[in-house]
Amino acid sequence: MPERNFHEPLSRPGITLIELAVGIAVAAVVGLVSAGLFKAAIKTYNYTYRETNALSGARKAFDGSGSRSGIIWTGRTAASVQSLSSSSLALIPPDKSTATFFVSNLNLYQLRLGAQTLQGPAISSASFSYYNLDAAGRVMVATSPASATFVTALLKMTGSGANNKTYVSFSGAQLRNHP
């Protein structure tokens, strides 16, 4: 029987058990890192999606959508403020109808000419304030809605998902058609 030198490579192709174990270990590390990155990407996407939906709803409530005018547009064109409470705002647009904005069942609605329309979904609260200018040109809190020349709105939106994060959006409008 011929003697074999163990330092010479074998003539048969293949891998050793050690090479196989190292390859599996490297593949496992790459898989774990990839899974962590994929999980972080999904979490970031979901967060951004919820935030975008909430802020998009606020923008539609403020500016309106299509033929529906929002709080700010109605406020800019309004002749006066009819009434104001901490959660509702009634404006008198140029056509002399009353446009009332209010929150009900986590939605912001507009009531105008007897028709109630959804202004923005997932809005948990709305706060309105009104102001006017004094003789020196300083902004002062208005003492009556009829004297208001500037209206502000603060909307709180509740995001969807497991954590239901609250988003806040603030805007205001000068009453252009105020006498």
Protein backbone atom coordinates (compact mmCIF):
# COMPACT_ATOMS: atom_id res chain seq x y z
CA MET A 1 0.00 0.00 0.00
CA PRO A 2 1.44 3.32 -0.99
CA GLU A 3 2.03 5.87 1.67
CA ARG A 4 0.05 9.06 1.44
CA ASN A 5 1.35 12.49 2.43
CA PHE A 6 -1.34 14.29 4.43
CA HIS A 7 -0.01 17.73 3.44
CA GLU A 8 -0.88 17.24 -0.20
CA PRO A 9 -4.36 18.24 -1.37
CA LEU A 10 -6.83 15.51 -2.16
CA SER A 11 -7.49 14.89 -5.76
CA ARG A 12 -11.26 14.76 -5.21
CA PRO A 13 -13.27 18.03 -5.53
CA GLY A 14 -15.44 19.17 -2.56
CA ILE A 15 -15.45 21.16 0.65
CA THR A 16 -14.44 20.26 4.11
CA LEU A 17 -16.71 20.31 7.16
CA ILE A 18 -14.93 23.41 8.49
CA GLU A 19 -15.48 25.30 5.23
CA LEU A 20 -19.15 24.35 5.33
CA ALA A 21 -19.54 25.56 8.95
CA VAL A 22 -17.84 28.90 8.15
CA GLY A 23 -20.10 29.38 5.10
CA ILE A 24 -23.24 28.70 7.16
CA ALA A 25 -22.08 31.11 9.88
CA VAL A 26 -21.42 33.89 7.36
CA ALA A 27 -24.83 33.30 5.72
CA ALA A 28 -26.53 33.45 9.15
CA VAL A 29 -24.89 36.78 10.02
CA VAL A 30 -25.83 38.26 6.63
CA GLY A 31 -29.41 36.99 7.08
CA LEU A 32 -29.72 38.51 10.57
CA VAL A 33 -28.42 41.89 9.43
CA SER A 34 -30.72 41.86 6.38
CA ALA A 35 -33.74 40.92 8.50
CA GLY A 36 -33.00 43.75 10.96
CA LEU A 37 -32.69 46.28 8.15
CA PHE A 38 -35.90 45.02 6.54
CA LYS A 39 -37.79 45.25 9.85
CA ALA A 40 -36.52 48.83 10.41
CA ALA A 41 -37.55 49.79 6.86
CA ILE A 42 -41.09 48.46 7.41
CA LYS A 43 -41.39 50.29 10.74
CA THR A 44 -40.20 53.56 9.16
CA TYR A 45 -42.60 53.15 6.26
CA ASN A 46 -45.58 52.53 8.58
CA TYR A 47 -44.70 55.55 10.74
CA THR A 48 -44.33 57.81 7.71
CA TYR A 49 -47.56 56.50 6.19
CA ARG A 50 -49.56 57.22 9.38
CA GLU A 51 -48.00 60.68 9.77
CA THR A 52 -48.62 61.56 6.13
CA ASN A 53 -52.27 60.47 6.34
CA ALA A 54 -52.86 62.51 9.49
CA LEU A 55 -51.22 65.65 8.11
CA SER A 56 -52.94 65.21 4.74
CA GLY A 57 -56.28 65.11 6.57
CA ALA A 58 -55.39 68.33 8.38
CA ARG A 59 -54.41 70.01 5.13
CA LYS A 60 -57.72 69.02 3.55
CA ALA A 61 -59.55 70.36 6.61
CA PHE A 62 -57.66 73.66 6.44
CA ASP A 63 -57.55 74.22 2.66
CA GLY A 64 -60.40 72.05 1.40
CA SER A 65 -60.45 69.53 -1.39
CA GLY A 66 -61.94 69.97 -4.83
CA SER A 67 -65.09 72.10 -4.70
CA ARG A 68 -65.24 71.86 -0.90
CA SER A 69 -63.65 74.83 0.84
CA GLY A 70 -61.80 74.30 4.10
CA ILE A 71 -61.62 76.27 7.32
CA ILE A 72 -58.89 78.63 6.14
CA TRP A 73 -60.39 79.35 2.71
CA THR A 74 -63.83 79.92 4.22
CA GLY A 75 -62.21 82.12 6.88
CA ARG A 76 -60.34 84.18 4.29
CA THR A 77 -63.48 84.87 2.28
CA ALA A 78 -65.82 85.31 5.26
CA ALA A 79 -67.44 88.64 5.96
CA SER A 80 -67.57 87.95 9.69
CA VAL A 81 -67.52 85.38 12.47
CA GLN A 82 -71.00 84.55 13.73
CA SER A 83 -70.04 82.46 16.74
CA LEU A 84 -67.07 80.72 18.21
CA SER A 85 -66.61 78.15 20.92
CA SER A 86 -63.64 76.04 21.86
CA SER A 87 -64.72 73.29 19.44
CA SER A 88 -66.84 75.00 16.75
CA LEU A 89 -66.59 77.98 14.45
CA ALA A 90 -69.46 79.63 12.54
CA LEU A 91 -68.47 81.97 9.70
CA ILE A 92 -70.60 84.15 7.45
CA PRO A 93 -69.31 83.76 3.87
CA PRO A 94 -70.06 86.41 1.18
CA ASP A 95 -73.23 84.57 0.11
CA LYS A 96 -74.60 85.23 3.66
CA SER A 97 -75.09 81.53 4.42
CA THR A 98 -73.57 80.23 7.65
CA ALA A 99 -70.65 77.78 7.48
CA THR A 100 -70.15 75.97 10.79
CA PHE A 101 -67.10 73.78 11.45
CA PHE A 102 -67.23 71.28 14.34
CA VAL A 103 -65.71 68.00 15.55
CA SER A 104 -67.90 64.94 16.04
CA ASN A 105 -66.90 61.25 16.33
CA LEU A 106 -63.22 62.00 15.62
CA ASN A 107 -64.02 63.80 12.36
CA LEU A 108 -64.19 67.47 11.40
CA TYR A 109 -67.42 68.45 9.65
CA GLN A 110 -68.74 71.53 7.90
CA LEU A 111 -72.43 72.33 8.10
CA ARG A 112 -73.54 74.69 5.36
CA LEU A 113 -76.96 75.22 3.78
CA GLY A 114 -78.30 72.24 5.72
CA ALA A 115 -75.70 69.83 4.32
CA GLN A 116 -73.09 68.25 6.59
CA THR A 117 -69.83 67.33 4.82
CA LEU A 118 -66.72 65.63 6.13
CA GLN A 119 -63.80 68.08 6.16
CA GLY A 120 -61.12 65.84 7.66
CA PRO A 121 -60.94 62.34 9.15
CA ALA A 122 -59.23 61.31 12.40
CA ILE A 123 -59.38 64.81 13.90
CA SER A 124 -59.80 64.39 17.62
CA SER A 125 -60.20 68.06 18.53
CA ALA A 126 -60.34 71.54 17.06
CA SER A 127 -59.68 74.82 18.88
CA PHE A 128 -60.53 78.18 17.35
CA SER A 129 -59.52 81.68 18.41
CA TYR A 130 -60.30 85.06 16.93
CA TYR A 131 -58.43 88.34 17.01
CA ASN A 132 -58.62 91.92 15.77
CA LEU A 133 -56.31 94.91 15.50
CA ASP A 134 -56.49 97.78 17.96
CA ALA A 135 -56.03 101.45 16.98
CA ALA A 136 -52.23 101.10 17.28
CA GLY A 137 -52.18 98.09 14.91
CA ARG A 138 -51.48 95.49 17.61
CA VAL A 139 -53.12 92.07 17.48
CA MET A 140 -55.59 91.70 20.33
CA VAL A 141 -57.95 88.93 21.33
CA ALA A 142 -61.36 89.94 20.01
CA THR A 143 -64.07 90.46 22.59
CA SER A 144 -66.89 89.49 20.23
CA PRO A 145 -66.94 87.25 17.17
CA ALA A 146 -68.45 90.00 15.02
CA SER A 147 -65.37 92.21 15.49
CA ALA A 148 -62.88 89.47 14.56
CA THR A 149 -60.50 90.14 11.67
CA PHE A 150 -58.28 87.11 12.14
CA VAL A 151 -59.22 83.50 12.99
CA THR A 152 -56.84 80.70 14.01
CA ALA A 153 -57.47 76.97 14.11
CA LEU A 154 -55.56 74.28 15.98
CA LEU A 155 -56.36 70.71 14.94
CA LYS A 156 -55.26 67.56 16.76
CA MET A 157 -55.22 64.44 14.61
CA THR A 158 -54.97 60.91 15.89
CA GLY A 159 -52.84 58.60 13.80
CA SER A 160 -53.78 55.01 13.10
CA GLY A 161 -51.80 52.00 14.18
CA ALA A 162 -50.61 50.48 17.41
CA ASN A 163 -49.36 53.65 19.12
CA ASN A 164 -52.06 56.16 17.92
CA LYS A 165 -49.68 59.11 18.00
CA THR A 166 -51.28 62.56 18.12
CA TYR A 167 -50.29 65.15 15.51
CA VAL A 168 -50.99 68.88 15.88
CA SER A 169 -51.46 71.36 13.06
CA PHE A 170 -52.01 75.12 13.40
CA SER A 171 -53.12 77.69 10.84
CA GLY A 172 -54.86 81.04 10.63
CA ALA A 173 -56.62 83.34 8.21
CA GLN A 174 -57.30 87.03 7.96
CA LEU A 175 -60.92 87.79 7.11
CA ARG A 176 -60.47 89.55 3.75
CA ASN A 177 -64.06 90.61 3.32
CA HIS A 178 -64.44 91.96 6.83
CA PRO A 179 -66.18 95.35 6.74
